[in-house]
C-alpha atoms as a PDB file:
ATOM      1  CA  MET A   1     -18.123  -2.697 -15.585  1.00  0.00           C
ATOM      2  CA  THR A   2     -15.656  -4.006 -18.166  1.00  0.00           C
ATOM      3  CA  ASN A   3     -12.380  -3.051 -16.488  1.00  0.00           C
ATOM      4  CA  PRO A   4     -11.027  -6.219 -14.816  1.00  0.00           C
ATOM      5  CA  THR A   5      -8.775  -4.270 -12.451  1.00  0.00           C
ATOM      6  CA  LEU A   6     -11.651  -2.094 -11.271  1.00  0.00           C
ATOM      7  CA  ASN A   7     -13.903  -5.113 -10.904  1.00  0.00           C
ATOM      8  CA  ASP A   8     -11.263  -6.855  -8.788  1.00  0.00           C
ATOM      9  CA  PHE A   9     -10.940  -3.831  -6.539  1.00  0.00           C
ATOM     10  CA  ILE A  10     -14.695  -3.446  -6.151  1.00  0.00           C
ATOM     11  CA  HIS A  11     -14.923  -7.102  -5.144  1.00  0.00           C
ATOM     12  CA  LEU A  12     -12.054  -6.604  -2.684  1.00  0.00           C
ATOM     13  CA  ALA A  13     -13.515  -3.465  -1.098  1.00  0.00           C
ATOM     14  CA  ARG A  14     -16.996  -4.926  -0.774  1.00  0.00           C
ATOM     15  CA  GLY A  15     -15.678  -8.170   0.695  1.00  0.00           C
ATOM     16  CA  ARG A  16     -13.654  -6.625   3.525  1.00  0.00           C
ATOM     17  CA  ARG A  17     -15.072  -7.294   6.976  1.00  0.00           C
ATOM     18  CA  ALA A  18     -14.021  -6.804  10.597  1.00  0.00           C
ATOM     19  CA  ILE A  19     -12.681 -10.214  11.643  1.00  0.00           C
ATOM     20  CA  ARG A  20     -12.248 -10.831  15.361  1.00  0.00           C
ATOM     21  CA  ARG A  21     -11.450 -14.543  15.521  1.00  0.00           C
ATOM     22  CA  TYR A  22      -8.230 -15.959  14.070  1.00  0.00           C
ATOM     23  CA  SER A  23      -6.455 -19.272  13.654  1.00  0.00           C
ATOM     24  CA  ASP A  24      -3.160 -19.996  15.420  1.00  0.00           C
ATOM     25  CA  GLU A  25      -1.185 -19.745  12.178  1.00  0.00           C
ATOM     26  CA  PRO A  26       1.368 -16.888  12.254  1.00  0.00           C
ATOM     27  CA  VAL A  27       1.609 -14.194   9.612  1.00  0.00           C
ATOM     28  CA  PRO A  28       4.873 -14.645   7.666  1.00  0.00           C
ATOM     29  CA  PRO A  29       7.251 -11.743   8.393  1.00  0.00           C
ATOM     30  CA  GLU A  30       7.805 -11.083   4.696  1.00  0.00           C
ATOM     31  CA  LEU A  31       4.053 -10.709   4.163  1.00  0.00           C
ATOM     32  CA  LEU A  32       3.697  -8.356   7.112  1.00  0.00           C
ATOM     33  CA  ASP A  33       6.618  -6.288   5.824  1.00  0.00           C
ATOM     34  CA  LEU A  34       4.992  -6.082   2.385  1.00  0.00           C
ATOM     35  CA  LEU A  35       1.695  -4.899   3.861  1.00  0.00           C
ATOM     36  CA  LEU A  36       3.433  -2.149   5.826  1.00  0.00           C
ATOM     37  CA  GLU A  37       5.499  -1.121   2.814  1.00  0.00           C
ATOM     38  CA  THR A  38       2.289  -0.864   0.796  1.00  0.00           C
ATOM     39  CA  ALA A  39       0.566   1.223   3.470  1.00  0.00           C
ATOM     40  CA  VAL A  40       3.186   3.971   3.301  1.00  0.00           C
ATOM     41  CA  TRP A  41       2.225   4.658  -0.323  1.00  0.00           C
ATOM     42  CA  SER A  42      -1.036   6.168   0.893  1.00  0.00           C
ATOM     43  CA  PRO A  43      -1.706   9.857   0.234  1.00  0.00           C
ATOM     44  CA  SER A  44      -0.839  12.332   2.962  1.00  0.00           C
ATOM     45  CA  ALA A  45      -1.077  16.060   3.584  1.00  0.00           C
ATOM     46  CA  HIS A  46       1.958  17.859   2.112  1.00  0.00           C
ATOM     47  CA  ASN A  47       3.365  14.341   1.547  1.00  0.00           C
ATOM     48  CA  ARG A  48       4.614  14.509   5.162  1.00  0.00           C
ATOM     49  CA  GLN A  49       3.656  10.855   5.809  1.00  0.00           C
ATOM     50  CA  PRO A  50       2.706  11.342   9.487  1.00  0.00           C
ATOM     51  CA  TRP A  51       1.859   7.669  10.053  1.00  0.00           C
ATOM     52  CA  ARG A  52       3.831   5.484  12.420  1.00  0.00           C
ATOM     53  CA  PHE A  53       3.299   1.753  12.990  1.00  0.00           C
ATOM     54  CA  ALA A  54       4.208  -0.157  16.151  1.00  0.00           C
ATOM     55  CA  VAL A  55       4.109  -3.903  15.414  1.00  0.00           C
ATOM     56  CA  LEU A  56       3.667  -6.567  18.082  1.00  0.00           C
ATOM     57  CA  GLU A  57       4.056 -10.261  17.259  1.00  0.00           C
ATOM     58  CA  ALA A  58       5.357 -11.904  20.464  1.00  0.00           C
ATOM     59  CA  PRO A  59       2.651 -13.341  22.760  1.00  0.00           C
ATOM     60  CA  ALA A  60       4.207 -11.660  25.804  1.00  0.00           C
ATOM     61  CA  SER A  61       4.101  -8.232  24.166  1.00  0.00           C
ATOM     62  CA  LYS A  62       0.484  -8.634  23.094  1.00  0.00           C
ATOM     63  CA  ALA A  63      -0.520  -9.860  26.539  1.00  0.00           C
ATOM     64  CA  ALA A  64       1.236  -6.957  28.278  1.00  0.00           C
ATOM     65  CA  LEU A  65      -0.652  -4.431  26.175  1.00  0.00           C
ATOM     66  CA  ALA A  66      -3.942  -6.275  26.644  1.00  0.00           C
ATOM     67  CA  ARG A  67      -3.488  -6.426  30.427  1.00  0.00           C
ATOM     68  CA  ALA A  68      -2.613  -2.738  30.707  1.00  0.00           C
ATOM     69  CA  MET A  69      -5.563  -1.658  28.581  1.00  0.00           C
ATOM     70  CA  GLY A  70      -7.860  -4.079  30.376  1.00  0.00           C
ATOM     71  CA  GLN A  71      -6.917  -2.704  33.777  1.00  0.00           C
ATOM     72  CA  ARG A  72      -7.624   0.843  32.641  1.00  0.00           C
ATOM     73  CA  LEU A  73     -10.932  -0.285  31.162  1.00  0.00           C
ATOM     74  CA  ARG A  74     -11.799  -1.924  34.482  1.00  0.00           C
ATOM     75  CA  THR A  75     -10.897   1.227  36.421  1.00  0.00           C
ATOM     76  CA  ASP A  76     -12.803   3.606  34.155  1.00  0.00           C
ATOM     77  CA  ARG A  77     -15.926   1.470  33.911  1.00  0.00           C
ATOM     78  CA  SER A  78     -15.953   0.882  37.674  1.00  0.00           C
ATOM     79  CA  ALA A  79     -15.830   4.640  38.193  1.00  0.00           C
ATOM     80  CA  ASP A  80     -18.864   4.878  35.901  1.00  0.00           C
ATOM     81  CA  GLY A  81     -20.734   2.599  38.291  1.00  0.00           C
ATOM     82  CA  GLU A  82     -21.244  -0.300  35.886  1.00  0.00           C
ATOM     83  CA  PRO A  83     -21.921  -3.808  37.243  1.00  0.00           C
ATOM     84  CA  PRO A  84     -18.695  -5.761  37.932  1.00  0.00           C
ATOM     85  CA  ASP A  85     -19.827  -8.801  35.930  1.00  0.00           C
ATOM     86  CA  VAL A  86     -20.466  -6.657  32.854  1.00  0.00           C
ATOM     87  CA  ILE A  87     -17.068  -5.009  33.216  1.00  0.00           C
ATOM     88  CA  GLU A  88     -15.225  -8.312  33.610  1.00  0.00           C
ATOM     89  CA  ARG A  89     -16.971  -9.751  30.583  1.00  0.00           C
ATOM     90  CA  ASP A  90     -15.860  -6.808  28.449  1.00  0.00           C
ATOM     91  CA  VAL A  91     -12.315  -6.920  29.845  1.00  0.00           C
ATOM     92  CA  ALA A  92     -12.067 -10.629  29.020  1.00  0.00           C
ATOM     93  CA  ARG A  93     -13.438 -10.069  25.532  1.00  0.00           C
ATOM     94  CA  SER A  94     -10.940  -7.278  24.887  1.00  0.00           C
ATOM     95  CA  PHE A  95      -8.064  -9.426  26.153  1.00  0.00           C
ATOM     96  CA  ALA A  96      -9.084 -12.313  23.897  1.00  0.00           C
ATOM     97  CA  ARG A  97      -9.367 -10.103  20.824  1.00  0.00           C
ATOM     98  CA  ILE A  98      -5.963  -8.547  21.329  1.00  0.00           C
ATOM     99  CA  THR A  99      -4.031 -11.677  22.304  1.00  0.00           C
ATOM    100  CA  GLY A 100      -5.823 -13.917  19.821  1.00  0.00           C
ATOM    101  CA  ALA A 101      -4.428 -12.112  16.783  1.00  0.00           C
ATOM    102  CA  ALA A 102      -1.190 -13.238  15.170  1.00  0.00           C
ATOM    103  CA  ALA A 103      -0.002  -9.636  14.925  1.00  0.00           C
ATOM    104  CA  LEU A 104      -1.006  -6.261  16.284  1.00  0.00           C
ATOM    105  CA  ILE A 105      -0.310  -2.974  14.574  1.00  0.00           C
ATOM    106  CA  VAL A 106      -0.730   0.124  16.698  1.00  0.00           C
ATOM    107  CA  VAL A 107      -1.354   2.882  14.173  1.00  0.00           C
ATOM    108  CA  CYS A 108      -0.012   6.225  15.371  1.00  0.00           C
ATOM    109  CA  LEU A 109       0.434   9.741  14.079  1.00  0.00           C
ATOM    110  CA  SER A 110       3.346  12.082  14.538  1.00  0.00           C
ATOM    111  CA  LEU A 111       3.153  15.822  14.036  1.00  0.00           C
ATOM    112  CA  VAL A 112       6.916  16.397  13.939  1.00  0.00           C
ATOM    113  CA  ASP A 113       6.986  16.919  10.162  1.00  0.00           C
ATOM    114  CA  MET A 114       3.690  18.801   9.859  1.00  0.00           C
ATOM    115  CA  ASP A 115       3.502  22.573   9.461  1.00  0.00           C
ATOM    116  CA  SER A 116       3.315  24.779  12.554  1.00  0.00           C
ATOM    117  CA  TYR A 117       1.081  27.858  12.870  1.00  0.00           C
ATOM    118  CA  PRO A 118       0.777  30.556  15.543  1.00  0.00           C
ATOM    119  CA  ASP A 119      -3.025  30.386  15.738  1.00  0.00           C
ATOM    120  CA  ALA A 120      -5.143  27.559  17.163  1.00  0.00           C
ATOM    121  CA  HIS A 121      -7.474  27.307  14.173  1.00  0.00           C
ATOM    122  CA  ARG A 122      -4.749  26.488  11.664  1.00  0.00           C
ATOM    123  CA  ARG A 123      -2.952  24.228  14.144  1.00  0.00           C
ATOM    124  CA  GLN A 124      -6.155  22.223  14.527  1.00  0.00           C
ATOM    125  CA  ALA A 125      -6.622  22.063  10.754  1.00  0.00           C
ATOM    126  CA  GLU A 126      -3.067  20.793  10.352  1.00  0.00           C
ATOM    127  CA  ARG A 127      -3.660  18.166  13.023  1.00  0.00           C
ATOM    128  CA  THR A 128      -6.876  17.050  11.332  1.00  0.00           C
ATOM    129  CA  MET A 129      -5.003  16.668   8.050  1.00  0.00           C
ATOM    130  CA  ALA A 130      -2.494  14.434   9.811  1.00  0.00           C
ATOM    131  CA  VAL A 131      -5.271  12.326  11.345  1.00  0.00           C
ATOM    132  CA  GLN A 132      -6.910  11.957   7.921  1.00  0.00           C
ATOM    133  CA  SER A 133      -3.594  10.914   6.397  1.00  0.00           C
ATOM    134  CA  VAL A 134      -3.048   8.246   9.044  1.00  0.00           C
ATOM    135  CA  ALA A 135      -6.596   6.970   8.545  1.00  0.00           C
ATOM    136  CA  MET A 136      -5.959   6.562   4.813  1.00  0.00           C
ATOM    137  CA  ALA A 137      -2.798   4.588   5.532  1.00  0.00           C
ATOM    138  CA  ALA A 138      -4.727   2.348   7.925  1.00  0.00           C
ATOM    139  CA  GLN A 139      -7.369   1.713   5.260  1.00  0.00           C
ATOM    140  CA  THR A 140      -4.698   0.849   2.702  1.00  0.00           C
ATOM    141  CA  LEU A 141      -3.113  -1.530   5.198  1.00  0.00           C
ATOM    142  CA  TRP A 142      -6.457  -3.195   5.928  1.00  0.00           C
ATOM    143  CA  LEU A 143      -7.350  -3.633   2.257  1.00  0.00           C
ATOM    144  CA  ALA A 144      -3.891  -5.022   1.485  1.00  0.00           C
ATOM    145  CA  ALA A 145      -4.273  -7.506   4.349  1.00  0.00           C
ATOM    146  CA  HIS A 146      -7.678  -8.537   3.027  1.00  0.00           C
ATOM    147  CA  ALA A 147      -6.245  -8.989  -0.467  1.00  0.00           C
ATOM    148  CA  ALA A 148      -3.627 -11.328   1.045  1.00  0.00           C
ATOM    149  CA  GLY A 149      -6.357 -13.452   2.624  1.00  0.00           C
ATOM    150  CA  LEU A 150      -5.840 -12.135   6.137  1.00  0.00           C
ATOM    151  CA  GLY A 151      -8.542 -10.999   8.495  1.00  0.00           C
ATOM    152  CA  ALA A 152      -8.282  -7.736  10.378  1.00  0.00           C
ATOM    153  CA  CYS A 153     -10.217  -5.597  12.825  1.00  0.00           C
ATOM    154  CA  TRP A 154      -9.841  -1.948  13.759  1.00  0.00           C
ATOM    155  CA  LEU A 155     -10.029  -1.225  17.490  1.00  0.00           C
ATOM    156  CA  CYS A 156     -10.405   2.396  18.596  1.00  0.00           C
ATOM    157  CA  ALA A 157      -9.527   1.683  22.238  1.00  0.00           C
ATOM    158  CA  PRO A 158      -6.039   3.310  22.056  1.00  0.00           C
ATOM    159  CA  LEU A 159      -7.756   6.665  21.503  1.00  0.00           C
ATOM    160  CA  PHE A 160      -9.067   6.476  25.077  1.00  0.00           C
ATOM    161  CA  VAL A 161      -5.695   5.643  26.642  1.00  0.00           C
ATOM    162  CA  PRO A 162      -2.963   7.007  24.348  1.00  0.00           C
ATOM    163  CA  GLU A 163      -0.498   7.759  27.148  1.00  0.00           C
ATOM    164  CA  LEU A 164      -0.940   4.255  28.551  1.00  0.00           C
ATOM    165  CA  VAL A 165      -0.204   2.679  25.169  1.00  0.00           C
ATOM    166  CA  VAL A 166       2.885   4.857  24.661  1.00  0.00           C
ATOM    167  CA  GLU A 167       4.174   4.000  28.130  1.00  0.00           C
ATOM    168  CA  THR A 168       3.434   0.278  27.904  1.00  0.00           C
ATOM    169  CA  LEU A 169       5.107  -0.090  24.513  1.00  0.00           C
ATOM    170  CA  ASN A 170       7.872   2.441  25.207  1.00  0.00           C
ATOM    171  CA  LEU A 171       7.015   4.371  22.053  1.00  0.00           C
ATOM    172  CA  PRO A 172       8.650   7.676  21.098  1.00  0.00           C
ATOM    173  CA  PRO A 173       6.866  10.582  22.817  1.00  0.00           C
ATOM    174  CA  ASP A 174       5.687  12.107  19.533  1.00  0.00           C
ATOM    175  CA  TRP A 175       3.833   8.917  18.508  1.00  0.00           C
ATOM    176  CA  GLU A 176       0.117   9.382  19.190  1.00  0.00           C
ATOM    177  CA  PRO A 177      -1.873   6.115  19.054  1.00  0.00           C
ATOM    178  CA  GLN A 178      -4.953   6.364  16.845  1.00  0.00           C
ATOM    179  CA  GLY A 179      -6.107   2.770  16.726  1.00  0.00           C
ATOM    180  CA  LEU A 180      -5.123  -0.858  16.860  1.00  0.00           C
ATOM    181  CA  LEU A 181      -5.343  -3.196  13.872  1.00  0.00           C
ATOM    182  CA  THR A 182      -5.464  -6.884  14.743  1.00  0.00           C
ATOM    183  CA  LEU A 183      -4.239  -9.242  12.009  1.00  0.00           C
ATOM    184  CA  GLY A 184      -4.416 -12.975  11.464  1.00  0.00           C
ATOM    185  CA  TRP A 185      -5.762 -15.759   9.325  1.00  0.00           C
ATOM    186  CA  PRO A 186      -9.553 -15.645   9.737  1.00  0.00           C
ATOM    187  CA  ALA A 187     -11.394 -18.271  11.750  1.00  0.00           C
ATOM    188  CA  GLU A 188     -14.828 -16.813  11.032  1.00  0.00           C
ATOM    189  CA  GLU A 189     -16.863 -15.336   8.192  1.00  0.00           C
ATOM    190  CA  LYS A 190     -18.837 -12.129   8.365  1.00  0.00           C
ATOM    191  CA  GLU A 191     -21.615 -10.588   6.318  1.00  0.00           C
ATOM    192  CA  LYS A 192     -22.957  -7.126   7.000  1.00  0.00           C
ATOM    193  CA  PRO A 193     -25.298  -4.956   4.946  1.00  0.00           C
ATOM    194  CA  ARG A 194     -24.778  -1.377   3.904  1.00  0.00           C
ATOM    195  CA  ALA A 195     -27.337   1.379   3.531  1.00  0.00           C
ATOM    196  CA  PRO A 196     -28.180   2.058  -0.133  1.00  0.00           C
ATOM    197  CA  TRP A 197     -25.411   4.288  -1.404  1.00  0.00           C
ATOM    198  CA  PRO A 198     -27.771   6.981  -2.848  1.00  0.00           C
ATOM    199  CA  SER A 199     -29.005   7.599   0.715  1.00  0.00           C
ATOM    200  CA  ARG A 200     -25.526   8.873   1.578  1.00  0.00           C
ATOM    201  CA  VAL A 201     -24.843  10.885  -1.586  1.00  0.00           C
ATOM    202  CA  HIS A 202     -26.143  14.236  -2.769  1.00  0.00           C
ATOM    203  CA  PHE A 203     -25.246  15.226  -6.343  1.00  0.00           C
ATOM    204  CA  LEU A 204     -25.092  19.014  -6.413  1.00  0.00           C
ATOM    205  CA  ASP A 205     -24.835  19.644 -10.128  1.00  0.00           C
ATOM    206  CA  ARG A 206     -25.297  16.405 -12.077  1.00  0.00           C
ATOM    207  CA  GLN A 207     -27.052  16.953 -15.378  1.00  0.00           C
ATOM    208  CA  GLY A 208     -29.592  14.478 -16.797  1.00  0.00           C
END
């Protein structure tokens, strides 16, 4: 590769990791604002921009969300019949991950600006397009954070308790939580392998 910009991006994309341990240093508000502003330039279906971001920076707010989600996790796992010590260990780990980050971004979708159809098949397709759009915005946000030297981790837990997250954070009713991105200055390093890329690619019509 001879294109410096492409080389820089390849290095950035390959260096991104899920970071779960952070220092106590806060994320400057102007940096967080810039990351969010960058995320909204992601592609979206019909350019409807269905992403919504709920940002938590105050320790009390982060702890309230962590406690509410932890209690639901405890209730659900207890109903599954799991050992109490295993449940409490996972609840404590979840609480530490959420409260240990300098900032939390609850990534949501809203369907208010998406197209509406009378049949279920097209409604589901429209919803999937919105989910894909939000996922692309989350990826842009994560890569921008990594480029700034921040660590981040994507937590899918809000998908299991969307109503709880909306209620706890007093979000608008049309905001549907899709995931939680923790952000902070990294206090750990990670290395993880990837499967060889040709094992995940099938060229249908490449010549030569």
